[in-house]
Protein backbone atom coordinates (compact mmCIF):
# COMPACT_ATOMS: atom_id res chain seq x y z
CA UNK A 1 53.21 66.32 -44.64
CA UNK A 2 55.15 63.98 -42.41
CA UNK A 3 58.41 63.87 -40.54
CA UNK A 4 60.72 60.90 -40.20
CA UNK A 5 64.04 60.07 -38.62
CA UNK A 6 66.02 57.05 -39.81
CA UNK A 7 68.40 55.32 -37.42
CA UNK A 8 70.34 52.09 -37.13
CA UNK A 9 70.07 50.02 -33.98
CA UNK A 10 73.18 48.34 -32.51
CA UNK A 11 72.58 45.29 -34.73
CA UNK A 12 72.45 47.54 -37.82
CA UNK A 13 68.70 47.10 -38.32
CA UNK A 14 67.07 50.16 -39.81
CA UNK A 15 64.56 51.96 -37.61
CA UNK A 16 62.17 54.67 -38.81
CA UNK A 17 60.48 57.09 -36.43
CA UNK A 18 57.59 58.63 -38.34
CA UNK A 19 54.99 61.29 -37.57
CA UNK A 20 52.11 62.52 -39.74
CA UNK A 21 51.64 66.24 -39.22
CA UNK A 22 48.11 67.53 -38.76
CA UNK A 23 46.80 68.90 -42.07
CA UNK A 24 46.87 72.48 -40.76
CA UNK A 25 50.65 72.19 -40.25
CA UNK A 26 51.45 71.00 -43.78
CA UNK A 27 53.90 73.36 -45.49
CA UNK A 28 52.31 75.23 -48.39
CA UNK A 29 53.57 77.27 -51.31
CA UNK A 30 52.30 80.79 -51.96
CA UNK A 31 49.56 79.39 -54.23
CA UNK A 32 48.41 76.82 -51.66
CA UNK A 33 50.05 73.68 -53.03
CA UNK A 34 51.77 71.28 -50.66
CA UNK A 35 55.47 72.13 -50.37
CA UNK A 36 57.45 68.90 -50.06
CA UNK A 37 60.84 69.66 -48.53
CA UNK A 38 63.76 67.88 -46.93
CA UNK A 39 65.17 69.83 -44.03
CA UNK A 40 67.87 69.22 -41.47
CA UNK A 41 66.60 68.03 -38.10
CA UNK A 42 66.46 70.77 -35.46
CA UNK A 43 67.79 68.52 -32.71
CA UNK A 44 68.07 71.24 -30.03
CA UNK A 45 64.50 72.32 -30.80
CA UNK A 46 63.29 68.74 -30.64
CA UNK A 47 64.99 68.17 -27.30
CA UNK A 48 63.54 71.43 -25.95
CA UNK A 49 60.03 70.07 -26.48
CA UNK A 50 60.75 67.32 -23.95
CA UNK A 51 60.61 69.82 -21.12
CA UNK A 52 57.31 71.35 -22.24
């Protein structure tokens, strides 16, 4: 239901970039339950949204 990216700054402090998805974008199973998943970041897709 959310997306997060975890990074370290140059001083090795942890930084979390976090976004709550709108409810209508939550991944669901076939029976309608929330599907919690961990997926690899689509970096090219993310960067492509910058030009939209």
